[in-house]
N, C-alpha and C. Protein backbone atom coordinates (compact mmCIF):
# COMPACT_ATOMS: atom_id res chain seq x y z
N LEU A 1 -27.60 -6.99 15.12
CA LEU A 1 -28.50 -7.47 13.90
C LEU A 1 -30.02 -7.44 14.13
N HIS A 2 -30.46 -6.85 13.32
CA HIS A 2 -32.08 -6.48 13.13
C HIS A 2 -32.81 -7.90 13.36
N PRO A 3 -33.51 -8.31 14.18
CA PRO A 3 -34.28 -9.70 14.10
C PRO A 3 -35.12 -9.62 12.55
N GLN A 4 -35.57 -8.87 11.93
CA GLN A 4 -36.21 -9.16 10.83
C GLN A 4 -35.27 -9.32 9.47
N ILE A 5 -34.02 -9.34 9.75
CA ILE A 5 -32.98 -9.41 8.59
C ILE A 5 -32.77 -11.00 8.35
N GLY A 6 -33.20 -11.80 9.18
CA GLY A 6 -33.12 -13.35 8.65
C GLY A 6 -34.23 -13.59 8.03
N ARG A 7 -33.90 -14.62 7.11
CA ARG A 7 -34.86 -15.20 6.02
C ARG A 7 -35.71 -15.93 6.71
N GLU A 8 -37.01 -15.60 5.93
CA GLU A 8 -38.30 -16.62 6.44
C GLU A 8 -38.08 -17.78 5.86
N ARG A 9 -38.50 -18.72 6.59
CA ARG A 9 -38.46 -20.29 6.36
C ARG A 9 -39.87 -21.01 6.87
N PRO A 10 -40.79 -20.67 5.88
CA PRO A 10 -41.91 -21.50 5.78
C PRO A 10 -41.98 -22.90 5.56
N ASP A 11 -40.69 -23.24 5.05
CA ASP A 11 -40.52 -24.62 4.68
C ASP A 11 -40.25 -25.32 6.28
N ILE A 12 -39.89 -24.72 7.25
CA ILE A 12 -39.58 -25.15 8.39
C ILE A 12 -40.83 -25.09 9.37
N GLY A 13 -41.41 -24.08 9.34
CA GLY A 13 -42.54 -23.75 10.22
C GLY A 13 -43.02 -22.33 9.93
N LYS A 14 -44.17 -22.14 10.63
CA LYS A 14 -44.93 -20.65 10.13
C LYS A 14 -44.22 -19.82 11.21
N GLY A 15 -43.95 -18.73 10.87
CA GLY A 15 -43.24 -17.66 11.40
C GLY A 15 -41.75 -17.74 11.77
N VAL A 16 -41.19 -18.65 11.19
CA VAL A 16 -39.82 -19.35 11.68
C VAL A 16 -38.82 -18.58 10.49
N ARG A 17 -37.95 -18.05 11.26
CA ARG A 17 -36.91 -17.14 10.53
C ARG A 17 -35.31 -17.93 10.39
N SER A 18 -34.35 -17.74 9.81
CA SER A 18 -33.12 -18.27 10.30
C SER A 18 -32.05 -17.14 9.82
N ALA A 19 -30.99 -17.45 10.48
CA ALA A 19 -29.62 -16.38 10.40
C ALA A 19 -28.45 -17.38 10.54
N ILE A 20 -27.57 -16.98 10.05
CA ILE A 20 -26.27 -18.02 10.09
C ILE A 20 -25.07 -17.38 11.18
N SER A 21 -24.65 -18.17 12.07
CA SER A 21 -23.86 -17.75 12.79
C SER A 21 -22.37 -18.86 12.95
N GLY A 22 -21.62 -18.62 11.99
CA GLY A 22 -20.17 -19.54 12.09
C GLY A 22 -20.89 -20.83 11.20
N ALA A 23 -20.74 -21.67 12.01
CA ALA A 23 -21.23 -23.27 11.26
C ALA A 23 -22.69 -23.82 11.62
N TYR A 24 -23.27 -22.62 12.39
CA TYR A 24 -24.75 -22.98 12.76
C TYR A 24 -25.55 -22.12 12.29
N LEU A 25 -26.92 -22.48 11.92
CA LEU A 25 -28.08 -22.21 11.30
C LEU A 25 -28.91 -21.82 12.94
N ILE A 26 -29.46 -20.64 13.06
CA ILE A 26 -30.03 -20.15 14.23
C ILE A 26 -31.62 -20.27 13.53
N LEU A 27 -32.31 -20.88 14.35
CA LEU A 27 -33.58 -20.65 13.67
C LEU A 27 -34.74 -20.13 14.80
N TYR A 28 -35.70 -18.79 14.58
CA TYR A 28 -36.28 -18.28 15.63
C TYR A 28 -37.44 -17.72 15.23
N GLN A 29 -38.13 -17.31 16.11
CA GLN A 29 -39.47 -16.86 15.88
C GLN A 29 -39.71 -15.28 16.61
N LEU A 30 -40.00 -14.32 15.58
CA LEU A 30 -40.27 -13.02 16.47
C LEU A 30 -41.65 -13.17 17.10
N LEU A 31 -41.68 -12.74 18.60
CA LEU A 31 -42.81 -12.81 19.24
C LEU A 31 -43.37 -11.31 19.68
N GLU A 32 -44.05 -10.90 20.07
CA GLU A 32 -44.70 -9.79 20.42
C GLU A 32 -43.46 -8.62 20.88
N ASP A 33 -43.00 -9.31 21.78
CA ASP A 33 -42.04 -8.66 22.87
C ASP A 33 -40.61 -9.15 23.16
N ARG A 34 -40.33 -10.15 22.34
CA ARG A 34 -38.91 -10.56 22.15
C ARG A 34 -38.63 -11.70 20.93
N VAL A 35 -37.46 -12.24 20.83
CA VAL A 35 -36.97 -13.11 19.65
C VAL A 35 -36.86 -14.53 20.81
N GLU A 36 -37.67 -15.42 20.18
CA GLU A 36 -37.40 -16.87 20.75
C GLU A 36 -36.73 -17.63 19.95
N VAL A 37 -35.76 -18.07 20.12
CA VAL A 37 -34.81 -19.17 19.36
C VAL A 37 -35.48 -20.62 19.49
N VAL A 38 -35.62 -21.03 18.28
CA VAL A 38 -36.30 -22.33 18.19
C VAL A 38 -35.33 -23.55 18.35
N ARG A 39 -34.29 -23.17 17.50
CA ARG A 39 -33.32 -24.38 17.48
C ARG A 39 -31.90 -23.66 16.82
N TYR A 40 -30.87 -24.36 17.40
CA TYR A 40 -29.45 -24.44 16.59
C TYR A 40 -29.36 -25.41 16.05
N VAL A 41 -28.74 -25.33 14.65
CA VAL A 41 -28.66 -26.57 13.74
C VAL A 41 -27.43 -26.62 13.18
N HIS A 42 -26.41 -27.43 13.28
CA HIS A 42 -25.11 -27.61 12.57
C HIS A 42 -25.41 -27.34 11.11
N MET A 43 -24.61 -26.62 10.25
CA MET A 43 -24.71 -26.37 9.01
C MET A 43 -24.68 -27.92 8.27
N ARG A 44 -23.92 -28.92 8.57
CA ARG A 44 -23.76 -29.93 7.94
C ARG A 44 -25.02 -31.12 8.17
N ARG A 45 -25.88 -30.66 9.21
CA ARG A 45 -26.90 -31.45 9.09
C ARG A 45 -28.09 -31.25 8.24
N ARG A 46 -28.72 -32.24 7.89
CA ARG A 46 -29.88 -31.95 7.02
C ARG A 46 -31.21 -31.45 7.64
N LEU A 47 -31.70 -30.40 6.87
CA LEU A 47 -33.01 -29.58 7.56
C LEU A 47 -34.33 -30.37 7.33
N GLU A 48 -34.50 -31.51 6.48
CA GLU A 48 -35.61 -32.18 6.62
C GLU A 48 -36.09 -32.86 8.04
N GLY A 49 -37.44 -32.99 8.24
CA GLY A 49 -37.94 -33.21 9.38
C GLY A 49 -37.68 -32.59 10.62
N LEU A 50 -37.09 -31.22 10.36
CA LEU A 50 -37.27 -30.44 11.63
C LEU A 50 -38.46 -29.76 12.07
N ASN A 51 -39.45 -29.69 11.06
CA ASN A 51 -40.69 -28.74 11.52
C ASN A 51 -41.60 -29.87 12.46
């Protein structure tokens, strides 16, 4: 997958994007030379308070 295909998530943090993989939400940031995974979150978990 192309890293920019993920949804932008300003509600979670500046520059954070999300993608779904199975039952998990992958939160990541695009840096100059790499993709940095911020967190894996199970889809049943609430996202409030993650930022």
